[in-house]
Each structure stands twice: as structure tokens, then as C-alpha cells.
Amino acid sequence: VPFHDPKAIDLCFDYLNKYPADLIAKEYVINEYASVLFDAGLYRDAVAVLNEILVSGDATKGSTGITTEAGSRISEYTTDALSLKYKSLNLLAKETGSRNYTLQAIETGKLLTSILDRNRMEMSEDESRTNLSDNSRVFYTSLIENYCSLYLSSEDKGYIENAFEFSEKSKMSGFLAATRQMNATNFSI
């Protein structure tokens, strides 16, 4: 579906209104629409649209509606939506200088890294785990930058401690990925 065509977007949303139970289509369409908004520089609108699929009314799952408990299945669309929301919030923080956007980005990034880490641990293929580790390290680095920017503006030691915590998690993630890669290489010889 060419999401840059307003008629196609209208048709997709008409379909979703007609078939609200088609959650897979809803996640796909909203992600694609949010991507178009992001590409157009409409970051606030992208975040608002993404919140439609990220926030649910189920209070047992927290404010995002997403549970990070082991055994729960999170769709690829959800991780894509969180990733796009995180990037949008970071760009809004840079544009506006608002700490609020940085704090929202941190919460989104923490949720995203916990999901990526859990998914990596549950994967059976080493190559898939390695790729996922590479992706999560990018978010760890960005979270460290978020915390450092908050520390520089407030000199609150809690922010620098959080940056250190994520630097340690990032190192651990990289170490685990390298260890798995070495084990895979040793067993394939």
C-alpha cells in the first residue's frame, strides 16, 4: 500500500473502522502511517498515532499496555512502533529542548531494550540473537546519551548513575553476543 497517497490511507482506515478486530492490520497500518508522519517531520503526530497501538486499557500491563513478562508474546509491529516512538521523542527533545520529551524517550527506550533483551534470550538461532543484540546496543547508547543530556542540564547525580547502569547493560549485551558467536563458531568447526 502506498502510504504517501492520501486515498490509500483513507481506504486503510476505512477498512480498520469496518473490521476493528483485525489487530494485525491495525498495527501494520498505524505503523506505516506513523512512518509517513515521521518522514514528514511530524513527530508529535507520529507519537500520537503510535500511542493508539501502544496504549491499552489493561491496567495489569502498566501505562503502555505492554507487558515484559517472560512468556508473553510481543509483535514485531509493537517493537517497530516503540522504536519509531523513541526516535520521534528524541527528535522532539532536540527540536524543543524539552526535558519532558527526553524523559518520555527514556521510558520508551527502557521498555524497548527490555523487550529486545528478553526476545534475544528466548531466540534459538545465534545469528538472530546477534542481530538483535546489535539493535539493542544502539538503543542502549541512545539511552546513555539521554541520561547524560539530563545530567548536564540538571547535575542530578541520579541521571549519571542511570547512564552508568545502561553502559554496563550495553557492555553485558555485547559480551553475551560475542560469547554466543564464539560458541557457535566453536561448535560449527
N, C-alpha and C. Protein backbone atom coordinates (compact mmCIF):
# COMPACT_ATOMS: atom_id res chain seq x y z
N VAL A 1 0.86 -1.18 0.00
CA VAL A 1 0.00 0.00 0.00
C VAL A 1 0.90 1.23 0.00
N PRO A 2 0.71 2.12 -0.96
CA PRO A 2 1.49 3.36 -0.99
C PRO A 2 0.95 4.36 0.04
N PHE A 3 1.59 4.41 1.20
CA PHE A 3 1.07 5.23 2.30
C PHE A 3 1.31 6.72 2.11
N HIS A 4 1.97 7.10 1.03
CA HIS A 4 2.13 8.53 0.76
C HIS A 4 0.96 9.07 -0.05
N ASP A 5 0.05 8.19 -0.43
CA ASP A 5 -1.15 8.57 -1.16
C ASP A 5 -2.31 8.71 -0.17
N PRO A 6 -2.85 9.93 -0.02
CA PRO A 6 -3.93 10.15 0.95
C PRO A 6 -5.15 9.23 0.73
N LYS A 7 -5.46 8.88 -0.53
CA LYS A 7 -6.59 7.99 -0.80
C LYS A 7 -6.33 6.59 -0.23
N ALA A 8 -5.09 6.13 -0.36
CA ALA A 8 -4.75 4.80 0.17
C ALA A 8 -4.86 4.80 1.69
N ILE A 9 -4.43 5.88 2.31
CA ILE A 9 -4.53 5.98 3.77
C ILE A 9 -5.98 5.94 4.20
N ASP A 10 -6.82 6.71 3.49
CA ASP A 10 -8.26 6.72 3.82
C ASP A 10 -8.87 5.33 3.66
N LEU A 11 -8.50 4.62 2.59
CA LEU A 11 -9.02 3.27 2.37
C LEU A 11 -8.61 2.33 3.51
N CYS A 12 -7.37 2.45 3.94
CA CYS A 12 -6.89 1.60 5.03
C CYS A 12 -7.65 1.88 6.32
N PHE A 13 -7.84 3.16 6.64
CA PHE A 13 -8.55 3.49 7.87
C PHE A 13 -10.04 3.13 7.77
N ASP A 14 -10.60 3.22 6.56
CA ASP A 14 -11.98 2.76 6.37
C ASP A 14 -12.08 1.25 6.66
N TYR A 15 -11.09 0.49 6.18
CA TYR A 15 -11.07 -0.94 6.44
C TYR A 15 -10.99 -1.20 7.94
N LEU A 16 -10.10 -0.47 8.63
CA LEU A 16 -9.94 -0.68 10.07
C LEU A 16 -11.21 -0.34 10.84
N ASN A 17 -11.92 0.69 10.39
CA ASN A 17 -13.20 1.03 11.03
C ASN A 17 -14.24 -0.05 10.80
N LYS A 18 -14.20 -0.67 9.61
CA LYS A 18 -15.17 -1.71 9.27
C LYS A 18 -14.83 -3.03 9.99
N TYR A 19 -13.53 -3.30 10.19
CA TYR A 19 -13.08 -4.55 10.81
C TYR A 19 -12.15 -4.26 12.00
N PRO A 20 -12.68 -3.74 13.08
CA PRO A 20 -11.84 -3.35 14.22
C PRO A 20 -11.14 -4.53 14.91
N ALA A 21 -11.61 -5.73 14.69
CA ALA A 21 -11.00 -6.90 15.32
C ALA A 21 -9.72 -7.35 14.61
N ASP A 22 -9.44 -6.83 13.44
CA ASP A 22 -8.24 -7.19 12.69
C ASP A 22 -7.04 -6.42 13.25
N LEU A 23 -6.53 -6.91 14.38
CA LEU A 23 -5.47 -6.20 15.10
C LEU A 23 -4.14 -6.18 14.34
N ILE A 24 -3.86 -7.23 13.59
CA ILE A 24 -2.62 -7.27 12.82
C ILE A 24 -2.63 -6.18 11.76
N ALA A 25 -3.75 -6.04 11.07
CA ALA A 25 -3.86 -4.98 10.07
C ALA A 25 -3.76 -3.61 10.73
N LYS A 26 -4.40 -3.47 11.89
CA LYS A 26 -4.35 -2.19 12.60
C LYS A 26 -2.91 -1.81 12.95
N GLU A 27 -2.17 -2.77 13.51
CA GLU A 27 -0.78 -2.49 13.87
C GLU A 27 0.04 -2.12 12.63
N TYR A 28 -0.15 -2.86 11.55
CA TYR A 28 0.59 -2.59 10.33
C TYR A 28 0.27 -1.21 9.77
N VAL A 29 -1.01 -0.90 9.63
CA VAL A 29 -1.43 0.38 9.04
C VAL A 29 -0.95 1.55 9.90
N ILE A 30 -1.14 1.44 11.19
CA ILE A 30 -0.75 2.55 12.07
C ILE A 30 0.77 2.73 12.06
N ASN A 31 1.52 1.64 12.06
CA ASN A 31 2.98 1.77 11.96
C ASN A 31 3.39 2.46 10.67
N GLU A 32 2.80 2.03 9.57
CA GLU A 32 3.15 2.63 8.28
C GLU A 32 2.75 4.11 8.21
N TYR A 33 1.58 4.42 8.72
CA TYR A 33 1.11 5.81 8.74
C TYR A 33 2.03 6.66 9.64
N ALA A 34 2.41 6.13 10.78
CA ALA A 34 3.32 6.85 11.68
C ALA A 34 4.67 7.06 11.01
N SER A 35 5.12 6.09 10.22
CA SER A 35 6.38 6.24 9.49
C SER A 35 6.31 7.38 8.48
N VAL A 36 5.17 7.52 7.82
CA VAL A 36 4.97 8.61 6.87
C VAL A 36 5.01 9.95 7.62
N LEU A 37 4.34 10.01 8.76
CA LEU A 37 4.36 11.23 9.57
C LEU A 37 5.78 11.54 10.04
N PHE A 38 6.50 10.53 10.47
CA PHE A 38 7.89 10.71 10.91
C PHE A 38 8.75 11.25 9.77
N ASP A 39 8.63 10.63 8.60
CA ASP A 39 9.41 11.07 7.43
C ASP A 39 9.09 12.51 7.03
N ALA A 40 7.86 12.94 7.32
CA ALA A 40 7.45 14.32 7.01
C ALA A 40 7.85 15.29 8.11
N GLY A 41 8.47 14.79 9.18
CA GLY A 41 8.88 15.66 10.27
C GLY A 41 7.77 15.99 11.25
N LEU A 42 6.67 15.25 11.19
CA LEU A 42 5.53 15.48 12.08
C LEU A 42 5.64 14.51 13.27
N TYR A 43 6.64 14.76 14.11
CA TYR A 43 6.98 13.82 15.18
C TYR A 43 5.89 13.73 16.25
N ARG A 44 5.27 14.86 16.61
CA ARG A 44 4.19 14.82 17.61
C ARG A 44 3.03 13.96 17.10
N ASP A 45 2.69 14.16 15.84
CA ASP A 45 1.60 13.38 15.25
C ASP A 45 1.95 11.90 15.19
N ALA A 46 3.21 11.61 14.86
CA ALA A 46 3.64 10.21 14.81
C ALA A 46 3.50 9.57 16.20
N VAL A 47 3.92 10.28 17.25
CA VAL A 47 3.82 9.74 18.61
C VAL A 47 2.35 9.52 18.97
N ALA A 48 1.49 10.48 18.63
CA ALA A 48 0.06 10.35 18.95
C ALA A 48 -0.54 9.12 18.26
N VAL A 49 -0.20 8.91 17.00
CA VAL A 49 -0.72 7.76 16.26
C VAL A 49 -0.18 6.45 16.84
N LEU A 50 1.11 6.44 17.15
CA LEU A 50 1.72 5.22 17.70
C LEU A 50 1.12 4.86 19.06
N ASN A 51 0.75 5.86 19.83
CA ASN A 51 0.14 5.59 21.13
C ASN A 51 -1.16 4.82 21.00
N GLU A 52 -1.82 4.92 19.84
CA GLU A 52 -3.05 4.16 19.62
C GLU A 52 -2.83 2.65 19.72
N ILE A 53 -1.68 2.18 19.26
CA ILE A 53 -1.43 0.74 19.32
C ILE A 53 -0.56 0.36 20.51
N LEU A 54 0.08 1.34 21.15
CA LEU A 54 0.95 1.03 22.28
C LEU A 54 0.25 1.10 23.63
N VAL A 55 -0.82 1.84 23.71
CA VAL A 55 -1.50 2.03 24.99
C VAL A 55 -2.84 1.30 24.94
N SER A 56 -3.08 0.49 25.96
CA SER A 56 -4.36 -0.20 26.04
C SER A 56 -5.00 0.08 27.38
N GLY A 57 -6.20 -0.35 27.55
CA GLY A 57 -6.91 -0.12 28.80
C GLY A 57 -6.64 -1.17 29.86
N ASP A 58 -5.75 -2.13 29.59
CA ASP A 58 -5.48 -3.21 30.54
C ASP A 58 -4.51 -2.72 31.61
N ALA A 59 -5.02 -2.45 32.79
CA ALA A 59 -4.20 -1.90 33.88
C ALA A 59 -3.14 -2.87 34.37
N THR A 60 -3.28 -4.16 34.10
CA THR A 60 -2.28 -5.14 34.57
C THR A 60 -1.00 -5.05 33.77
N LYS A 61 -1.04 -4.33 32.67
CA LYS A 61 0.13 -4.25 31.81
C LYS A 61 0.89 -2.94 31.95
N GLY A 62 0.51 -2.08 32.85
CA GLY A 62 1.22 -0.82 33.03
C GLY A 62 0.69 0.25 32.10
N SER A 63 1.33 1.40 32.13
CA SER A 63 0.83 2.56 31.40
C SER A 63 0.93 2.40 29.89
N THR A 64 1.83 1.54 29.41
CA THR A 64 1.95 1.36 27.97
C THR A 64 1.04 0.28 27.45
N GLY A 65 0.50 -0.55 28.33
CA GLY A 65 -0.31 -1.66 27.86
C GLY A 65 0.52 -2.83 27.38
N ILE A 66 1.84 -2.74 27.55
CA ILE A 66 2.74 -3.79 27.08
C ILE A 66 3.37 -4.45 28.29
N THR A 67 3.27 -5.76 28.34
CA THR A 67 3.90 -6.49 29.43
C THR A 67 5.25 -7.00 28.96
N THR A 68 6.22 -6.99 29.85
CA THR A 68 7.54 -7.50 29.51
C THR A 68 7.83 -8.81 30.22
N GLU A 69 6.78 -9.46 30.72
CA GLU A 69 6.95 -10.72 31.44
C GLU A 69 7.37 -11.82 30.48
N ALA A 70 8.18 -12.74 30.99
CA ALA A 70 8.62 -13.88 30.19
C ALA A 70 7.40 -14.68 29.76
N GLY A 71 7.46 -15.17 28.54
CA GLY A 71 6.37 -15.99 28.02
C GLY A 71 5.31 -15.19 27.28
N SER A 72 5.25 -13.88 27.50
CA SER A 72 4.27 -13.08 26.77
C SER A 72 4.85 -12.77 25.39
N ARG A 73 4.00 -12.74 24.40
CA ARG A 73 4.44 -12.54 23.02
C ARG A 73 4.17 -11.11 22.61
N ILE A 74 5.19 -10.45 22.11
CA ILE A 74 5.07 -9.07 21.65
C ILE A 74 5.35 -9.07 20.16
N SER A 75 4.46 -8.46 19.40
CA SER A 75 4.59 -8.49 17.95
C SER A 75 5.75 -7.64 17.47
N GLU A 76 6.22 -7.95 16.29
CA GLU A 76 7.27 -7.17 15.65
C GLU A 76 6.79 -5.74 15.42
N TYR A 77 5.50 -5.59 15.12
CA TYR A 77 4.94 -4.26 14.92
C TYR A 77 5.04 -3.42 16.19
N THR A 78 4.88 -4.06 17.34
CA THR A 78 4.98 -3.34 18.61
C THR A 78 6.40 -2.85 18.83
N THR A 79 7.40 -3.70 18.58
CA THR A 79 8.78 -3.24 18.75
C THR A 79 9.12 -2.17 17.72
N ASP A 80 8.60 -2.30 16.50
CA ASP A 80 8.81 -1.24 15.49
C ASP A 80 8.17 0.06 15.93
N ALA A 81 6.97 -0.03 16.51
CA ALA A 81 6.27 1.17 16.97
C ALA A 81 7.04 1.83 18.12
N LEU A 82 7.54 1.03 19.05
CA LEU A 82 8.32 1.58 20.15
C LEU A 82 9.60 2.25 19.64
N SER A 83 10.24 1.61 18.68
CA SER A 83 11.46 2.17 18.10
C SER A 83 11.18 3.53 17.43
N LEU A 84 10.11 3.59 16.66
CA LEU A 84 9.76 4.83 15.98
C LEU A 84 9.33 5.90 16.98
N LYS A 85 8.62 5.49 18.02
CA LYS A 85 8.23 6.45 19.06
C LYS A 85 9.46 6.99 19.76
N TYR A 86 10.41 6.13 20.08
CA TYR A 86 11.64 6.55 20.74
C TYR A 86 12.39 7.57 19.88
N LYS A 87 12.53 7.27 18.60
CA LYS A 87 13.23 8.19 17.69
C LYS A 87 12.49 9.52 17.58
N SER A 88 11.16 9.46 17.50
CA SER A 88 10.35 10.68 17.40
C SER A 88 10.50 11.54 18.65
N LEU A 89 10.45 10.92 19.81
CA LEU A 89 10.57 11.67 21.06
C LEU A 89 11.96 12.30 21.19
N ASN A 90 12.99 11.59 20.76
CA ASN A 90 14.34 12.17 20.79
C ASN A 90 14.44 13.38 19.86
N LEU A 91 13.85 13.29 18.69
CA LEU A 91 13.89 14.42 17.77
C LEU A 91 13.06 15.60 18.31
N LEU A 92 11.94 15.30 18.95
CA LEU A 92 11.16 16.37 19.58
C LEU A 92 11.95 17.02 20.71
N ALA A 93 12.68 16.22 21.47
CA ALA A 93 13.51 16.78 22.55
C ALA A 93 14.58 17.71 21.98
N LYS A 94 15.19 17.31 20.87
CA LYS A 94 16.21 18.16 20.24
C LYS A 94 15.60 19.43 19.67
N GLU A 95 14.45 19.30 19.03
CA GLU A 95 13.78 20.47 18.43
C GLU A 95 13.33 21.48 19.48
N THR A 96 12.77 20.98 20.56
CA THR A 96 12.14 21.87 21.55
C THR A 96 13.01 22.13 22.77
N GLY A 97 13.99 21.27 23.02
CA GLY A 97 14.79 21.39 24.23
C GLY A 97 14.03 20.96 25.48
N SER A 98 12.90 20.30 25.30
CA SER A 98 12.04 19.91 26.41
C SER A 98 12.57 18.66 27.12
N ARG A 99 12.78 18.78 28.42
CA ARG A 99 13.17 17.63 29.23
C ARG A 99 12.07 16.58 29.24
N ASN A 100 10.83 17.03 29.15
CA ASN A 100 9.69 16.11 29.18
C ASN A 100 9.80 15.08 28.04
N TYR A 101 10.16 15.54 26.85
CA TYR A 101 10.32 14.61 25.73
C TYR A 101 11.48 13.65 25.98
N THR A 102 12.56 14.15 26.57
CA THR A 102 13.69 13.29 26.88
C THR A 102 13.28 12.22 27.89
N LEU A 103 12.52 12.61 28.91
CA LEU A 103 12.06 11.65 29.90
C LEU A 103 11.12 10.61 29.29
N GLN A 104 10.24 11.05 28.38
CA GLN A 104 9.36 10.11 27.69
C GLN A 104 10.17 9.16 26.80
N ALA A 105 11.20 9.71 26.15
CA ALA A 105 12.07 8.87 25.31
C ALA A 105 12.76 7.82 26.15
N ILE A 106 13.23 8.21 27.34
CA ILE A 106 13.90 7.27 28.22
C ILE A 106 12.95 6.14 28.61
N GLU A 107 11.73 6.47 29.01
CA GLU A 107 10.77 5.43 29.40
C GLU A 107 10.49 4.49 28.23
N THR A 108 10.34 5.05 27.04
CA THR A 108 10.09 4.24 25.85
C THR A 108 11.31 3.37 25.54
N GLY A 109 12.50 3.95 25.63
CA GLY A 109 13.73 3.22 25.35
C GLY A 109 13.98 2.11 26.35
N LYS A 110 13.67 2.35 27.62
CA LYS A 110 13.83 1.30 28.64
C LYS A 110 12.92 0.12 28.35
N LEU A 111 11.68 0.42 27.98
CA LEU A 111 10.74 -0.64 27.64
C LEU A 111 11.23 -1.41 26.41
N LEU A 112 11.67 -0.67 25.41
CA LEU A 112 12.13 -1.29 24.17
C LEU A 112 13.35 -2.18 24.42
N THR A 113 14.33 -1.70 25.18
CA THR A 113 15.52 -2.53 25.43
C THR A 113 15.18 -3.76 26.26
N SER A 114 14.24 -3.62 27.19
CA SER A 114 13.87 -4.81 27.97
C SER A 114 13.19 -5.85 27.08
N ILE A 115 12.38 -5.41 26.14
CA ILE A 115 11.73 -6.33 25.22
C ILE A 115 12.76 -6.98 24.29
N LEU A 116 13.66 -6.16 23.74
CA LEU A 116 14.69 -6.70 22.84
C LEU A 116 15.59 -7.70 23.57
N ASP A 117 15.96 -7.36 24.80
CA ASP A 117 16.81 -8.28 25.57
C ASP A 117 16.09 -9.59 25.86
N ARG A 118 14.82 -9.49 26.24
CA ARG A 118 14.06 -10.71 26.53
C ARG A 118 13.90 -11.55 25.27
N ASN A 119 13.60 -10.90 24.15
CA ASN A 119 13.47 -11.63 22.90
C ASN A 119 14.77 -12.31 22.51
N ARG A 120 15.88 -11.61 22.73
CA ARG A 120 17.19 -12.18 22.39
C ARG A 120 17.45 -13.44 23.21
N MET A 121 17.11 -13.42 24.49
CA MET A 121 17.35 -14.57 25.35
C MET A 121 16.48 -15.76 24.96
N GLU A 122 15.32 -15.51 24.37
CA GLU A 122 14.40 -16.58 24.01
C GLU A 122 14.67 -17.16 22.62
N MET A 123 15.55 -16.52 21.85
CA MET A 123 15.81 -16.99 20.48
C MET A 123 16.71 -18.21 20.49
N SER A 124 16.50 -19.06 19.50
CA SER A 124 17.32 -20.26 19.41
C SER A 124 18.44 -20.13 18.39
N GLU A 125 18.29 -19.26 17.43
CA GLU A 125 19.31 -19.11 16.39
C GLU A 125 20.32 -18.04 16.80
N ASP A 126 21.61 -18.41 16.76
CA ASP A 126 22.65 -17.48 17.19
C ASP A 126 22.72 -16.24 16.31
N GLU A 127 22.53 -16.39 15.01
CA GLU A 127 22.60 -15.23 14.11
C GLU A 127 21.50 -14.23 14.44
N SER A 128 20.31 -14.71 14.69
CA SER A 128 19.20 -13.83 15.06
C SER A 128 19.48 -13.11 16.36
N ARG A 129 20.03 -13.83 17.34
CA ARG A 129 20.37 -13.21 18.62
C ARG A 129 21.43 -12.13 18.43
N THR A 130 22.42 -12.40 17.58
CA THR A 130 23.48 -11.43 17.34
C THR A 130 22.91 -10.17 16.71
N ASN A 131 22.03 -10.33 15.72
CA ASN A 131 21.42 -9.17 15.08
C ASN A 131 20.59 -8.37 16.08
N LEU A 132 19.85 -9.05 16.91
CA LEU A 132 19.03 -8.38 17.92
C LEU A 132 19.92 -7.67 18.94
N SER A 133 21.04 -8.26 19.29
CA SER A 133 21.98 -7.63 20.21
C SER A 133 22.53 -6.34 19.61
N ASP A 134 22.84 -6.38 18.32
CA ASP A 134 23.33 -5.17 17.67
C ASP A 134 22.29 -4.06 17.72
N ASN A 135 21.02 -4.41 17.49
CA ASN A 135 19.94 -3.42 17.55
C ASN A 135 19.77 -2.86 18.95
N SER A 136 19.80 -3.72 19.95
CA SER A 136 19.58 -3.23 21.31
C SER A 136 20.73 -2.35 21.77
N ARG A 137 21.96 -2.61 21.32
CA ARG A 137 23.09 -1.77 21.72
C ARG A 137 22.93 -0.34 21.21
N VAL A 138 22.32 -0.18 20.04
CA VAL A 138 22.05 1.16 19.51
C VAL A 138 21.15 1.92 20.46
N PHE A 139 20.14 1.26 20.98
CA PHE A 139 19.21 1.92 21.91
C PHE A 139 19.88 2.16 23.26
N TYR A 140 20.73 1.24 23.70
CA TYR A 140 21.47 1.47 24.95
C TYR A 140 22.31 2.75 24.83
N THR A 141 23.01 2.88 23.72
CA THR A 141 23.84 4.06 23.51
C THR A 141 23.00 5.34 23.52
N SER A 142 21.86 5.29 22.88
CA SER A 142 20.98 6.46 22.86
C SER A 142 20.43 6.77 24.25
N LEU A 143 20.10 5.76 25.01
CA LEU A 143 19.63 5.98 26.38
C LEU A 143 20.72 6.61 27.24
N ILE A 144 21.94 6.17 27.06
CA ILE A 144 23.06 6.78 27.79
C ILE A 144 23.15 8.26 27.44
N GLU A 145 23.03 8.57 26.15
CA GLU A 145 23.04 9.98 25.73
C GLU A 145 21.89 10.76 26.34
N ASN A 146 20.70 10.15 26.40
CA ASN A 146 19.55 10.81 27.02
C ASN A 146 19.85 11.16 28.48
N TYR A 147 20.34 10.19 29.23
CA TYR A 147 20.64 10.43 30.64
C TYR A 147 21.74 11.47 30.81
N CYS A 148 22.75 11.42 29.96
CA CYS A 148 23.84 12.40 30.07
C CYS A 148 23.33 13.81 29.77
N SER A 149 22.44 13.95 28.80
CA SER A 149 21.90 15.29 28.50
C SER A 149 21.10 15.82 29.68
N LEU A 150 20.34 14.95 30.33
CA LEU A 150 19.60 15.38 31.52
C LEU A 150 20.55 15.75 32.65
N TYR A 151 21.62 14.98 32.81
CA TYR A 151 22.60 15.29 33.85
C TYR A 151 23.25 16.65 33.60
N LEU A 152 23.62 16.90 32.35
CA LEU A 152 24.28 18.17 32.01
C LEU A 152 23.38 19.37 32.27
N SER A 153 22.07 19.18 32.10
CA SER A 153 21.16 20.30 32.31
C SER A 153 20.74 20.47 33.77
N SER A 154 20.86 19.41 34.56
CA SER A 154 20.38 19.50 35.95
C SER A 154 21.43 19.17 37.00
N GLU A 155 22.49 18.48 36.59
CA GLU A 155 23.53 17.99 37.50
C GLU A 155 22.97 17.07 38.60
N ASP A 156 21.85 16.43 38.31
CA ASP A 156 21.27 15.43 39.20
C ASP A 156 22.07 14.14 39.06
N LYS A 157 22.71 13.71 40.12
CA LYS A 157 23.58 12.52 40.08
C LYS A 157 22.81 11.25 39.70
N GLY A 158 21.51 11.23 39.94
CA GLY A 158 20.72 10.06 39.56
C GLY A 158 20.78 9.79 38.06
N TYR A 159 20.84 10.86 37.26
CA TYR A 159 20.90 10.69 35.81
C TYR A 159 22.23 10.07 35.38
N ILE A 160 23.31 10.50 35.98
CA ILE A 160 24.61 9.94 35.60
C ILE A 160 24.72 8.49 36.08
N GLU A 161 24.11 8.18 37.22
CA GLU A 161 24.09 6.80 37.69
C GLU A 161 23.29 5.91 36.74
N ASN A 162 22.19 6.43 36.23
CA ASN A 162 21.40 5.67 35.24
C ASN A 162 22.18 5.48 33.95
N ALA A 163 22.92 6.51 33.54
CA ALA A 163 23.76 6.39 32.34
C ALA A 163 24.79 5.28 32.54
N PHE A 164 25.39 5.25 33.73
CA PHE A 164 26.38 4.21 34.03
C PHE A 164 25.72 2.83 34.00
N GLU A 165 24.52 2.71 34.58
CA GLU A 165 23.81 1.44 34.59
C GLU A 165 23.58 0.93 33.16
N PHE A 166 23.15 1.83 32.28
CA PHE A 166 22.91 1.40 30.90
C PHE A 166 24.21 1.13 30.15
N SER A 167 25.30 1.81 30.53
CA SER A 167 26.58 1.49 29.88
C SER A 167 27.01 0.08 30.27
N GLU A 168 26.76 -0.30 31.53
CA GLU A 168 27.08 -1.66 31.97
C GLU A 168 26.19 -2.69 31.27
N LYS A 169 24.90 -2.39 31.14
CA LYS A 169 23.99 -3.31 30.45
C LYS A 169 24.40 -3.46 28.99
N SER A 170 24.82 -2.36 28.38
CA SER A 170 25.25 -2.41 26.99
C SER A 170 26.50 -3.29 26.84
N LYS A 171 27.44 -3.13 27.75
CA LYS A 171 28.64 -3.97 27.70
C LYS A 171 28.27 -5.44 27.89
N MET A 172 27.37 -5.70 28.83
CA MET A 172 26.95 -7.07 29.08
C MET A 172 26.27 -7.66 27.84
N SER A 173 25.42 -6.87 27.20
CA SER A 173 24.73 -7.32 26.00
C SER A 173 25.74 -7.66 24.90
N GLY A 174 26.73 -6.80 24.73
CA GLY A 174 27.77 -7.05 23.73
C GLY A 174 28.60 -8.27 24.06
N PHE A 175 28.92 -8.42 25.34
CA PHE A 175 29.71 -9.57 25.78
C PHE A 175 28.95 -10.87 25.54
N LEU A 176 27.67 -10.89 25.89
CA LEU A 176 26.86 -12.10 25.67
C LEU A 176 26.76 -12.44 24.20
N ALA A 177 26.59 -11.41 23.36
CA ALA A 177 26.50 -11.65 21.92
C ALA A 177 27.82 -12.23 21.39
N ALA A 178 28.94 -11.67 21.84
CA ALA A 178 30.25 -12.16 21.39
C ALA A 178 30.50 -13.59 21.87
N THR A 179 30.11 -13.87 23.11
CA THR A 179 30.28 -15.23 23.65
C THR A 179 29.45 -16.23 22.86
N ARG A 180 28.22 -15.88 22.56
CA ARG A 180 27.38 -16.79 21.78
C ARG A 180 27.97 -17.02 20.39
N GLN A 181 28.50 -15.95 19.79
CA GLN A 181 29.08 -16.07 18.46
C GLN A 181 30.29 -16.99 18.50
N MET A 182 31.11 -16.85 19.54
CA MET A 182 32.29 -17.72 19.68
C MET A 182 31.86 -19.16 19.89
N ASN A 183 30.86 -19.39 20.71
CA ASN A 183 30.36 -20.75 20.95
C ASN A 183 29.81 -21.34 19.66
N ALA A 184 29.10 -20.55 18.89
CA ALA A 184 28.55 -21.04 17.62
C ALA A 184 29.67 -21.41 16.67
N THR A 185 30.71 -20.59 16.64
CA THR A 185 31.85 -20.87 15.76
C THR A 185 32.57 -22.14 16.20
N ASN A 186 32.77 -22.30 17.51
CA ASN A 186 33.46 -23.49 18.02
C ASN A 186 32.68 -24.76 17.72
N PHE A 187 31.35 -24.70 17.85
CA PHE A 187 30.54 -25.90 17.61
C PHE A 187 30.39 -26.22 16.14
N SER A 188 30.56 -25.24 15.26
CA SER A 188 30.40 -25.50 13.84
C SER A 188 31.68 -26.05 13.21
N ILE A 189 32.79 -25.98 13.93
CA ILE A 189 34.06 -26.46 13.37
C ILE A 189 34.16 -27.95 13.45
